[in-house]
Amino acid sequence: MTKTFLYPTGGAGFFLENLLVGSESGWSPKCDPEPRRGNEWGVLKVSAVTWGFFNPEENKRLPLSLEARPECEVKPGDFMLSRANTAELVARSVIAPTNCPEQLLMSDKIVRLVFLDERLKPWVNLVNNSELSRSYYKARATGTSDSMRNVSRQVIHELPIPLPSLQVQERVLKALGRMMTFCDELERQLVSRMRLSSQLSIAAVSSLTGITIEQEEDPMKAPQTELIAPLRLGTAPDIKAQAPLATILARHNGEMSAKDLWQRFAGEIDAFYAQLKTEVAHGWILEPAPAEMREKRTDAVSA
């Protein structure tokens, strides 16, 4: 017999089962380890409903020797959660999208909830995946291994659900949707700026050292200029002093560009700068003057 549900006029609390017609679980036959192909049937893995979105690619192929069970097939709009997972992820829920692929079956570790009112699904999904619900499930999960904990259908049905009116639910969900869109845009901008910063750094180092650094993406073109940072010999170091840079300068009339000195030092760039700082501190090399930028000669650019 179909139940009816009366919405509260103000905020109220319910158990999840008060909002349901019932729940259903799937089927877990012995499947092939690889995902289905083409029009084959597949059985969803728990990971298909674990990470906050429905991932139909997480499935195992149903052997051709077995007949599919259509009653276990996932349909658009299905509210699903896993009854077995880690303590932190058990009973995480998703709602299948309208473009949900056909011929995918729920496993017996996936539970489908059937609601009295379809409009409740987005709100319950939000509450079910909240930190409060995570604590609820974690405290009631059974199993000796942290990597695989279980919750019963009774535990799922007894989840407390705060239930404001539909109008309030809609306002909250819309506000959260705007915030998530804003956060996604900030994340996109951050990734773009980090990539640009990396490309600029690589271009600058390549320009200074004359060494091409391989990049996964198309490298950014360095400006057609070069950085001139002359280094000059200060007080000649004692023969026993650990001053390889000053020694090289002394052999080249006491002055070289930073690029040429680093190449003759034949060490990593970090080690070069550390050694340069030490020798400047001892006065063996004069404090470098501010670097200057100058246009490269045409022949140098083409080369």
C-alpha atoms as a PDB file:
ATOM      1  CA  MET A   1       0.000   0.000   0.000  1.00  0.00           C
ATOM      2  CA  THR A   2       1.391   3.392  -1.008  1.00  0.00           C
ATOM      3  CA  LYS A   3       2.160   5.705   1.869  1.00  0.00           C
ATOM      4  CA  THR A   4       1.559   9.428   1.865  1.00  0.00           C
ATOM      5  CA  PHE A   5       3.770  12.068   3.341  1.00  0.00           C
ATOM      6  CA  LEU A   6       2.697  15.358   4.900  1.00  0.00           C
ATOM      7  CA  TYR A   7       5.345  18.086   4.884  1.00  0.00           C
ATOM      8  CA  PRO A   8       5.890  20.041   8.099  1.00  0.00           C
ATOM      9  CA  THR A   9       4.932  23.689   8.208  1.00  0.00           C
ATOM     10  CA  GLY A  10       8.134  24.407  10.137  1.00  0.00           C
ATOM     11  CA  GLY A  11      11.408  22.620  10.785  1.00  0.00           C
ATOM     12  CA  ALA A  12      10.967  19.067  12.010  1.00  0.00           C
ATOM     13  CA  GLY A  13      12.974  15.899  12.475  1.00  0.00           C
ATOM     14  CA  PHE A  14      12.249  12.481  11.007  1.00  0.00           C
ATOM     15  CA  PHE A  15      13.876   9.142  10.571  1.00  0.00           C
ATOM     16  CA  LEU A  16      14.795   8.379   6.989  1.00  0.00           C
ATOM     17  CA  GLU A  17      12.308   5.486   6.907  1.00  0.00           C
ATOM     18  CA  ASN A  18       9.476   7.996   7.467  1.00  0.00           C
ATOM     19  CA  LEU A  19      10.275   9.393   4.023  1.00  0.00           C
ATOM     20  CA  LEU A  20      10.475   6.072   2.182  1.00  0.00           C
ATOM     21  CA  VAL A  21       8.232   3.607   0.445  1.00  0.00           C
ATOM     22  CA  GLY A  22      11.019   1.096   0.969  1.00  0.00           C
ATOM     23  CA  SER A  23      14.500   0.050  -0.122  1.00  0.00           C
ATOM     24  CA  GLU A  24      15.985  -2.507  -2.502  1.00  0.00           C
ATOM     25  CA  SER A  25      19.373  -4.135  -2.906  1.00  0.00           C
ATOM     26  CA  GLY A  26      21.073  -5.540  -5.984  1.00  0.00           C
ATOM     27  CA  TRP A  27      22.703  -8.773  -7.066  1.00  0.00           C
ATOM     28  CA  SER A  28      26.335  -9.884  -6.975  1.00  0.00           C
ATOM     29  CA  PRO A  29      27.016 -12.798  -9.317  1.00  0.00           C
ATOM     30  CA  LYS A  30      30.599 -13.851 -10.062  1.00  0.00           C
ATOM     31  CA  CYS A  31      31.632 -11.364 -12.747  1.00  0.00           C
ATOM     32  CA  ASP A  32      34.526 -10.979 -15.148  1.00  0.00           C
ATOM     33  CA  PRO A  33      37.166  -8.619 -13.705  1.00  0.00           C
ATOM     34  CA  GLU A  34      37.147  -6.183 -16.629  1.00  0.00           C
ATOM     35  CA  PRO A  35      34.455  -3.531 -17.279  1.00  0.00           C
ATOM     36  CA  ARG A  36      31.653  -4.229 -19.729  1.00  0.00           C
ATOM     37  CA  ARG A  37      31.992  -3.259 -23.389  1.00  0.00           C
ATOM     38  CA  GLY A  38      29.398  -1.947 -25.800  1.00  0.00           C
ATOM     39  CA  ASN A  39      25.915  -3.322 -25.120  1.00  0.00           C
ATOM     40  CA  GLU A  40      27.042  -5.841 -22.512  1.00  0.00           C
ATOM     41  CA  TRP A  41      25.575  -5.915 -19.021  1.00  0.00           C
ATOM     42  CA  GLY A  42      27.700  -4.805 -16.103  1.00  0.00           C
ATOM     43  CA  VAL A  43      27.426  -4.957 -12.304  1.00  0.00           C
ATOM     44  CA  LEU A  44      28.346  -1.776 -10.440  1.00  0.00           C
ATOM     45  CA  LYS A  45      31.164  -1.767  -7.931  1.00  0.00           C
ATOM     46  CA  VAL A  46      30.819   0.088  -4.627  1.00  0.00           C
ATOM     47  CA  SER A  47      33.185   2.766  -5.962  1.00  0.00           C
ATOM     48  CA  ALA A  48      30.491   3.749  -8.497  1.00  0.00           C
ATOM     49  CA  VAL A  49      28.495   5.432  -5.696  1.00  0.00           C
ATOM     50  CA  THR A  50      31.251   6.384  -3.246  1.00  0.00           C
ATOM     51  CA  TRP A  51      32.729   9.725  -4.255  1.00  0.00           C
ATOM     52  CA  GLY A  52      29.732  12.059  -4.368  1.00  0.00           C
ATOM     53  CA  PHE A  53      28.877  11.456  -8.028  1.00  0.00           C
ATOM     54  CA  PHE A  54      27.653   8.463 -10.008  1.00  0.00           C
ATOM     55  CA  ASN A  55      30.488   6.794 -11.939  1.00  0.00           C
ATOM     56  CA  PRO A  56      29.093   4.179 -14.350  1.00  0.00           C
ATOM     57  CA  GLU A  57      32.604   3.209 -15.503  1.00  0.00           C
ATOM     58  CA  GLU A  58      33.150   1.469 -12.167  1.00  0.00           C
ATOM     59  CA  ASN A  59      31.615  -1.869 -13.107  1.00  0.00           C
ATOM     60  CA  LYS A  60      32.447  -5.504 -13.830  1.00  0.00           C
ATOM     61  CA  ARG A  61      31.198  -7.353 -16.877  1.00  0.00           C
ATOM     62  CA  LEU A  62      28.380  -9.823 -16.375  1.00  0.00           C
ATOM     63  CA  PRO A  63      29.369 -13.155 -17.966  1.00  0.00           C
ATOM     64  CA  LEU A  64      27.448 -14.024 -21.122  1.00  0.00           C
ATOM     65  CA  SER A  65      26.444 -17.306 -19.482  1.00  0.00           C
ATOM     66  CA  LEU A  66      24.288 -15.425 -16.935  1.00  0.00           C
ATOM     67  CA  GLU A  67      20.928 -13.774 -17.496  1.00  0.00           C
ATOM     68  CA  ALA A  68      20.658 -10.196 -16.271  1.00  0.00           C
ATOM     69  CA  ARG A  69      18.115  -9.292 -13.599  1.00  0.00           C
ATOM     70  CA  PRO A  70      16.283  -6.226 -14.941  1.00  0.00           C
ATOM     71  CA  GLU A  71      14.785  -5.452 -11.520  1.00  0.00           C
ATOM     72  CA  CYS A  72      18.318  -4.593 -10.344  1.00  0.00           C
ATOM     73  CA  GLU A  73      19.019  -2.229 -13.264  1.00  0.00           C
ATOM     74  CA  VAL A  74      19.906   1.361 -12.358  1.00  0.00           C
ATOM     75  CA  LYS A  75      17.457   3.954 -13.667  1.00  0.00           C
ATOM     76  CA  PRO A  76      17.786   7.746 -14.023  1.00  0.00           C
ATOM     77  CA  GLY A  77      17.025   9.462 -10.715  1.00  0.00           C
ATOM     78  CA  ASP A  78      17.779   6.411  -8.550  1.00  0.00           C
ATOM     79  CA  PHE A  79      18.958   7.284  -5.030  1.00  0.00           C
ATOM     80  CA  MET A  80      21.714   4.801  -4.171  1.00  0.00           C
ATOM     81  CA  LEU A  81      24.177   4.232  -1.355  1.00  0.00           C
ATOM     82  CA  SER A  82      26.697   1.568  -0.390  1.00  0.00           C
ATOM     83  CA  ARG A  83      26.139  -0.547   2.708  1.00  0.00           C
ATOM     84  CA  ALA A  84      29.795  -1.720   2.747  1.00  0.00           C
ATOM     85  CA  ASN A  85      32.903   0.455   2.562  1.00  0.00           C
ATOM     86  CA  THR A  86      35.520   2.017   4.814  1.00  0.00           C
ATOM     87  CA  ALA A  87      34.284   3.551   8.071  1.00  0.00           C
ATOM     88  CA  GLU A  88      34.570   7.046   6.555  1.00  0.00           C
ATOM     89  CA  LEU A  89      32.806   6.222   3.277  1.00  0.00           C
ATOM     90  CA  VAL A  90      30.165   3.643   4.144  1.00  0.00           C
ATOM     91  CA  ALA A  91      26.614   4.691   3.132  1.00  0.00           C
ATOM     92  CA  ARG A  92      27.739   7.640   1.014  1.00  0.00           C
ATOM     93  CA  SER A  93      24.945   8.343  -1.456  1.00  0.00           C
ATOM     94  CA  VAL A  94      24.472   9.543  -5.039  1.00  0.00           C
ATOM     95  CA  ILE A  95      21.562  10.251  -7.360  1.00  0.00           C
ATOM     96  CA  ALA A  96      21.834   8.695 -10.826  1.00  0.00           C
ATOM     97  CA  PRO A  97      21.753  11.419 -13.513  1.00  0.00           C
ATOM     98  CA  THR A  98      19.139  11.678 -16.246  1.00  0.00           C
ATOM     99  CA  ASN A  99      21.672  10.410 -18.815  1.00  0.00           C
ATOM    100  CA  CYS A 100      22.464   7.307 -16.759  1.00  0.00           C
ATOM    101  CA  PRO A 101      23.647   4.471 -19.070  1.00  0.00           C
ATOM    102  CA  GLU A 102      21.426   1.415 -19.478  1.00  0.00           C
ATOM    103  CA  GLN A 103      22.231  -2.217 -18.630  1.00  0.00           C
ATOM    104  CA  LEU A 104      24.034  -1.516 -15.365  1.00  0.00           C
ATOM    105  CA  LEU A 105      22.988  -3.579 -12.339  1.00  0.00           C
ATOM    106  CA  MET A 106      23.308  -2.731  -8.662  1.00  0.00           C
ATOM    107  CA  SER A 107      25.426  -5.164  -6.654  1.00  0.00           C
ATOM    108  CA  ASP A 108      24.127  -6.565  -3.388  1.00  0.00           C
ATOM    109  CA  LYS A 109      26.303  -4.014  -1.542  1.00  0.00           C
ATOM    110  CA  ILE A 110      24.359  -1.142  -3.123  1.00  0.00           C
ATOM    111  CA  VAL A 111      20.958  -0.127  -1.735  1.00  0.00           C
ATOM    112  CA  ARG A 112      18.339   1.833  -3.672  1.00  0.00           C
ATOM    113  CA  LEU A 113      15.953   3.959  -1.623  1.00  0.00           C
ATOM    114  CA  VAL A 114      12.419   4.536  -2.926  1.00  0.00           C
ATOM    115  CA  PHE A 115      10.961   7.822  -1.683  1.00  0.00           C
ATOM    116  CA  LEU A 116       7.394   8.878  -0.997  1.00  0.00           C
ATOM    117  CA  ASP A 117       8.144  12.129  -2.817  1.00  0.00           C
ATOM    118  CA  GLU A 118      10.872  12.391  -5.482  1.00  0.00           C
ATOM    119  CA  ARG A 119      11.491  16.019  -4.467  1.00  0.00           C
ATOM    120  CA  LEU A 120      13.034  14.805  -1.193  1.00  0.00           C
ATOM    121  CA  LYS A 121      16.047  13.188  -2.875  1.00  0.00           C
ATOM    122  CA  PRO A 122      18.378  16.207  -3.220  1.00  0.00           C
ATOM    123  CA  TRP A 123      17.839  17.256   0.400  1.00  0.00           C
ATOM    124  CA  VAL A 124      18.285  13.747   1.810  1.00  0.00           C
ATOM    125  CA  ASN A 125      21.401  13.298  -0.335  1.00  0.00           C
ATOM    126  CA  LEU A 126      22.834  16.476   1.185  1.00  0.00           C
ATOM    127  CA  VAL A 127      22.020  15.392   4.742  1.00  0.00           C
ATOM    128  CA  ASN A 128      23.169  11.796   4.206  1.00  0.00           C
ATOM    129  CA  ASN A 129      26.612  12.915   3.014  1.00  0.00           C
ATOM    130  CA  SER A 130      27.074  15.496   5.785  1.00  0.00           C
ATOM    131  CA  GLU A 131      29.581  15.173   8.625  1.00  0.00           C
ATOM    132  CA  LEU A 132      26.782  14.467  11.131  1.00  0.00           C
ATOM    133  CA  SER A 133      25.590  11.494   9.097  1.00  0.00           C
ATOM    134  CA  ARG A 134      29.177  10.319   8.605  1.00  0.00           C
ATOM    135  CA  SER A 135      29.549  10.182  12.398  1.00  0.00           C
ATOM    136  CA  TYR A 136      26.222   8.380  12.723  1.00  0.00           C
ATOM    137  CA  TYR A 137      27.169   5.626  10.268  1.00  0.00           C
ATOM    138  CA  LYS A 138      30.730   5.301  11.540  1.00  0.00           C
ATOM    139  CA  ALA A 139      29.499   4.716  15.102  1.00  0.00           C
ATOM    140  CA  ARG A 140      27.053   2.011  13.982  1.00  0.00           C
ATOM    141  CA  ALA A 141      29.097   0.226  11.331  1.00  0.00           C
ATOM    142  CA  THR A 142      30.092  -3.367  12.040  1.00  0.00           C
ATOM    143  CA  GLY A 143      33.116  -5.382  10.965  1.00  0.00           C
ATOM    144  CA  THR A 144      36.610  -5.944  12.308  1.00  0.00           C
ATOM    145  CA  SER A 145      38.505  -4.408   9.381  1.00  0.00           C
ATOM    146  CA  ASP A 146      38.702  -0.624   8.963  1.00  0.00           C
ATOM    147  CA  SER A 147      38.929  -1.154   5.201  1.00  0.00           C
ATOM    148  CA  MET A 148      35.517  -2.869   5.060  1.00  0.00           C
ATOM    149  CA  ARG A 149      32.739  -1.856   7.425  1.00  0.00           C
ATOM    150  CA  ASN A 150      29.057  -2.653   7.012  1.00  0.00           C
ATOM    151  CA  VAL A 151      25.775  -0.986   7.922  1.00  0.00           C
ATOM    152  CA  SER A 152      22.416  -2.722   7.879  1.00  0.00           C
ATOM    153  CA  ARG A 153      19.310  -1.463   6.122  1.00  0.00           C
ATOM    154  CA  GLN A 154      17.831  -0.816   9.554  1.00  0.00           C
ATOM    155  CA  VAL A 155      20.700   1.532  10.410  1.00  0.00           C
ATOM    156  CA  ILE A 156      20.179   3.329   7.099  1.00  0.00           C
ATOM    157  CA  HIS A 157      16.427   3.628   7.673  1.00  0.00           C
ATOM    158  CA  GLU A 158      16.964   5.018  11.181  1.00  0.00           C
ATOM    159  CA  LEU A 159      19.195   7.896  10.077  1.00  0.00           C
ATOM    160  CA  PRO A 160      17.805  11.128  11.636  1.00  0.00           C
ATOM    161  CA  ILE A 161      16.800  13.640   8.967  1.00  0.00           C
ATOM    162  CA  PRO A 162      16.083  17.299   9.794  1.00  0.00           C
ATOM    163  CA  LEU A 163      13.333  18.291   7.405  1.00  0.00           C
ATOM    164  CA  PRO A 164      12.427  21.923   6.733  1.00  0.00           C
ATOM    165  CA  SER A 165       9.697  22.828   4.271  1.00  0.00           C
ATOM    166  CA  LEU A 166      10.252  22.263   0.562  1.00  0.00           C
ATOM    167  CA  GLN A 167      10.663  26.004   0.051  1.00  0.00           C
ATOM    168  CA  VAL A 168      13.507  26.169   2.595  1.00  0.00           C
ATOM    169  CA  GLN A 169      15.105  23.032   1.127  1.00  0.00           C
ATOM    170  CA  GLU A 170      15.072  24.639  -2.301  1.00  0.00           C
ATOM    171  CA  ARG A 171      16.631  27.894  -1.043  1.00  0.00           C
ATOM    172  CA  VAL A 172      19.401  26.055   0.818  1.00  0.00           C
ATOM    173  CA  LEU A 173      20.203  23.806  -2.141  1.00  0.00           C
ATOM    174  CA  LYS A 174      20.300  26.753  -4.545  1.00  0.00           C
ATOM    175  CA  ALA A 175      22.609  28.698  -2.231  1.00  0.00           C
ATOM    176  CA  LEU A 176      24.932  25.699  -1.899  1.00  0.00           C
ATOM    177  CA  GLY A 177      24.868  25.235  -5.665  1.00  0.00           C
ATOM    178  CA  ARG A 178      25.996  28.838  -6.184  1.00  0.00           C
ATOM    179  CA  MET A 179      28.756  28.410  -3.605  1.00  0.00           C
ATOM    180  CA  MET A 180      29.991  25.188  -5.239  1.00  0.00           C
ATOM    181  CA  THR A 181      30.027  26.875  -8.653  1.00  0.00           C
ATOM    182  CA  PHE A 182      32.024  29.753  -7.164  1.00  0.00           C
ATOM    183  CA  CYS A 183      34.476  27.329  -5.505  1.00  0.00           C
ATOM    184  CA  ASP A 184      34.894  25.398  -8.758  1.00  0.00           C
ATOM    185  CA  GLU A 185      35.713  28.637 -10.568  1.00  0.00           C
ATOM    186  CA  LEU A 186      38.254  29.630  -7.900  1.00  0.00           C
ATOM    187  CA  GLU A 187      39.858  26.202  -8.179  1.00  0.00           C
ATOM    188  CA  ARG A 188      40.023  26.532 -11.974  1.00  0.00           C
ATOM    189  CA  GLN A 189      41.668  29.954 -11.678  1.00  0.00           C
ATOM    190  CA  LEU A 190      44.146  28.653  -9.094  1.00  0.00           C
ATOM    191  CA  VAL A 191      45.179  25.738 -11.310  1.00  0.00           C
ATOM    192  CA  SER A 192      45.544  28.094 -14.299  1.00  0.00           C
ATOM    193  CA  ARG A 193      47.687  30.540 -12.328  1.00  0.00           C
ATOM    194  CA  MET A 194      49.880  27.775 -10.911  1.00  0.00           C
ATOM    195  CA  ARG A 195      50.448  26.436 -14.415  1.00  0.00           C
ATOM    196  CA  LEU A 196      51.272  29.928 -15.709  1.00  0.00           C
ATOM    197  CA  SER A 197      53.633  30.547 -12.780  1.00  0.00           C
ATOM    198  CA  SER A 198      55.432  27.282 -13.479  1.00  0.00           C
ATOM    199  CA  GLN A 199      55.804  28.106 -17.166  1.00  0.00           C
ATOM    200  CA  LEU A 200      57.127  31.592 -16.380  1.00  0.00           C
ATOM    201  CA  SER A 201      59.648  30.164 -13.888  1.00  0.00           C
ATOM    202  CA  ILE A 202      60.881  27.608 -16.404  1.00  0.00           C
ATOM    203  CA  ALA A 203      61.156  30.255 -19.118  1.00  0.00           C
ATOM    204  CA  ALA A 204      63.100  32.571 -16.796  1.00  0.00           C
ATOM    205  CA  VAL A 205      65.546  29.849 -15.711  1.00  0.00           C
ATOM    206  CA  SER A 206      66.039  28.772 -19.331  1.00  0.00           C
ATOM    207  CA  SER A 207      66.730  32.374 -20.311  1.00  0.00           C
ATOM    208  CA  LEU A 208      69.257  32.815 -17.489  1.00  0.00           C
ATOM    209  CA  THR A 209      71.108  29.536 -17.854  1.00  0.00           C
ATOM    210  CA  GLY A 210      70.703  28.868 -21.552  1.00  0.00           C
ATOM    211  CA  ILE A 211      69.496  25.342 -20.727  1.00  0.00           C
ATOM    212  CA  THR A 212      66.300  24.047 -22.282  1.00  0.00           C
ATOM    213  CA  ILE A 213      63.996  22.426 -19.704  1.00  0.00           C
ATOM    214  CA  GLU A 214      61.548  19.844 -20.971  1.00  0.00           C
ATOM    215  CA  GLN A 215      57.878  20.622 -20.289  1.00  0.00           C
ATOM    216  CA  GLU A 216      54.855  18.363 -20.618  1.00  0.00           C
ATOM    217  CA  GLU A 217      52.871  21.122 -22.302  1.00  0.00           C
ATOM    218  CA  ASP A 218      53.900  23.577 -24.994  1.00  0.00           C
ATOM    219  CA  PRO A 219      56.648  25.700 -23.439  1.00  0.00           C
ATOM    220  CA  MET A 220      56.079  29.403 -22.984  1.00  0.00           C
ATOM    221  CA  LYS A 221      58.362  31.483 -25.177  1.00  0.00           C
ATOM    222  CA  ALA A 222      60.894  33.457 -23.173  1.00  0.00           C
ATOM    223  CA  PRO A 223      61.246  37.166 -23.961  1.00  0.00           C
ATOM    224  CA  GLN A 224      63.922  37.892 -26.569  1.00  0.00           C
ATOM    225  CA  THR A 225      66.180  39.378 -23.943  1.00  0.00           C
ATOM    226  CA  GLU A 226      68.878  38.009 -21.693  1.00  0.00           C
ATOM    227  CA  LEU A 227      69.672  38.612 -18.047  1.00  0.00           C
ATOM    228  CA  ILE A 228      73.082  40.133 -17.397  1.00  0.00           C
ATOM    229  CA  ALA A 229      74.310  39.582 -13.830  1.00  0.00           C
ATOM    230  CA  PRO A 230      78.098  40.163 -13.680  1.00  0.00           C
ATOM    231  CA  LEU A 231      80.047  38.692 -10.782  1.00  0.00           C
ATOM    232  CA  ARG A 232      83.381  40.207  -9.763  1.00  0.00           C
ATOM    233  CA  LEU A 233      86.249  38.957  -7.651  1.00  0.00           C
ATOM    234  CA  GLY A 234      86.639  40.546  -4.226  1.00  0.00           C
ATOM    235  CA  THR A 235      89.429  39.592  -1.829  1.00  0.00           C
ATOM    236  CA  ALA A 236      91.414  36.683  -3.225  1.00  0.00           C
ATOM    237  CA  PRO A 237      90.812  33.633  -1.036  1.00  0.00           C
ATOM    238  CA  ASP A 238      93.567  31.713   0.711  1.00  0.00           C
ATOM    239  CA  ILE A 239      94.778  28.721  -1.239  1.00  0.00           C
ATOM    240  CA  LYS A 240      93.271  26.412   1.416  1.00  0.00           C
ATOM    241  CA  ALA A 241      89.873  28.136   1.417  1.00  0.00           C
ATOM    242  CA  GLN A 242      86.870  26.357  -0.031  1.00  0.00           C
ATOM    243  CA  ALA A 243      86.153  28.991  -2.674  1.00  0.00           C
ATOM    244  CA  PRO A 244      85.648  27.314  -6.047  1.00  0.00           C
ATOM    245  CA  LEU A 245      83.699  30.219  -7.536  1.00  0.00           C
ATOM    246  CA  ALA A 246      86.287  32.861  -6.614  1.00  0.00           C
ATOM    247  CA  THR A 247      89.010  30.556  -7.959  1.00  0.00           C
ATOM    248  CA  ILE A 248      87.197  30.324 -11.314  1.00  0.00           C
ATOM    249  CA  LEU A 249      86.780  34.131 -11.384  1.00  0.00           C
ATOM    250  CA  ALA A 250      90.469  34.633 -10.660  1.00  0.00           C
ATOM    251  CA  ARG A 251      91.303  32.498 -13.720  1.00  0.00           C
ATOM    252  CA  HIS A 252      89.054  34.663 -15.928  1.00  0.00           C
ATOM    253  CA  ASN A 253      90.314  38.178 -15.185  1.00  0.00           C
ATOM    254  CA  GLY A 254      88.155  38.490 -12.052  1.00  0.00           C
ATOM    255  CA  GLU A 255      84.791  38.937 -13.786  1.00  0.00           C
ATOM    256  CA  MET A 256      82.168  36.665 -15.396  1.00  0.00           C
ATOM    257  CA  SER A 257      78.455  36.530 -15.961  1.00  0.00           C
ATOM    258  CA  ALA A 258      76.450  34.502 -13.465  1.00  0.00           C
ATOM    259  CA  LYS A 259      75.407  32.157 -16.270  1.00  0.00           C
ATOM    260  CA  ASP A 260      78.993  31.422 -17.361  1.00  0.00           C
ATOM    261  CA  LEU A 261      80.201  31.001 -13.782  1.00  0.00           C
ATOM    262  CA  TRP A 262      77.399  28.532 -12.995  1.00  0.00           C
ATOM    263  CA  GLN A 263      78.160  26.488 -16.118  1.00  0.00           C
ATOM    264  CA  ARG A 264      81.847  26.251 -15.171  1.00  0.00           C
ATOM    265  CA  PHE A 265      80.912  25.385 -11.583  1.00  0.00           C
ATOM    266  CA  ALA A 266      79.270  22.221 -13.023  1.00  0.00           C
ATOM    267  CA  GLY A 267      76.861  21.732 -10.131  1.00  0.00           C
ATOM    268  CA  GLU A 268      73.143  21.982  -9.457  1.00  0.00           C
ATOM    269  CA  ILE A 269      71.685  25.490  -9.522  1.00  0.00           C
ATOM    270  CA  ASP A 270      70.715  25.308  -5.822  1.00  0.00           C
ATOM    271  CA  ALA A 271      74.259  24.311  -4.854  1.00  0.00           C
ATOM    272  CA  PHE A 272      75.642  27.133  -7.008  1.00  0.00           C
ATOM    273  CA  TYR A 273      73.550  29.790  -5.269  1.00  0.00           C
ATOM    274  CA  ALA A 274      74.395  28.390  -1.830  1.00  0.00           C
ATOM    275  CA  GLN A 275      78.119  28.492  -2.630  1.00  0.00           C
ATOM    276  CA  LEU A 276      77.822  31.972  -4.116  1.00  0.00           C
ATOM    277  CA  LYS A 277      76.127  33.231  -0.941  1.00  0.00           C
ATOM    278  CA  THR A 278      78.939  31.774   1.182  1.00  0.00           C
ATOM    279  CA  GLU A 279      81.715  33.317  -0.883  1.00  0.00           C
ATOM    280  CA  VAL A 280      80.014  36.716  -0.989  1.00  0.00           C
ATOM    281  CA  ALA A 281      79.675  36.575   2.820  1.00  0.00           C
ATOM    282  CA  HIS A 282      83.465  35.972   3.115  1.00  0.00           C
ATOM    283  CA  GLY A 283      84.192  38.860   0.745  1.00  0.00           C
ATOM    284  CA  TRP A 284      85.834  36.613  -1.844  1.00  0.00           C
ATOM    285  CA  ILE A 285      83.197  37.722  -4.360  1.00  0.00           C
ATOM    286  CA  LEU A 286      81.746  41.208  -4.402  1.00  0.00           C
ATOM    287  CA  GLU A 287      78.051  41.694  -3.697  1.00  0.00           C
ATOM    288  CA  PRO A 288      76.397  41.350  -7.136  1.00  0.00           C
ATOM    289  CA  ALA A 289      75.006  44.525  -8.664  1.00  0.00           C
ATOM    290  CA  PRO A 290      71.313  44.522  -9.682  1.00  0.00           C
ATOM    291  CA  ALA A 291      70.824  42.409 -12.788  1.00  0.00           C
ATOM    292  CA  GLU A 292      70.104  44.181 -16.060  1.00  0.00           C
ATOM    293  CA  MET A 293      68.058  43.071 -19.035  1.00  0.00           C
ATOM    294  CA  ARG A 294      69.384  43.681 -22.544  1.00  0.00           C
ATOM    295  CA  GLU A 295      68.102  42.789 -25.985  1.00  0.00           C
ATOM    296  CA  LYS A 296      69.702  39.738 -27.541  1.00  0.00           C
ATOM    297  CA  ARG A 297      71.569  40.128 -30.780  1.00  0.00           C
ATOM    298  CA  THR A 298      69.640  38.967 -33.836  1.00  0.00           C
ATOM    299  CA  ASP A 299      72.122  36.186 -34.554  1.00  0.00           C
ATOM    300  CA  ALA A 300      71.919  34.986 -30.951  1.00  0.00           C
ATOM    301  CA  VAL A 301      68.117  34.834 -31.083  1.00  0.00           C
ATOM    302  CA  SER A 302      68.036  32.876 -34.322  1.00  0.00           C
ATOM    303  CA  ALA A 303      70.651  30.468 -33.046  1.00  0.00           C
END
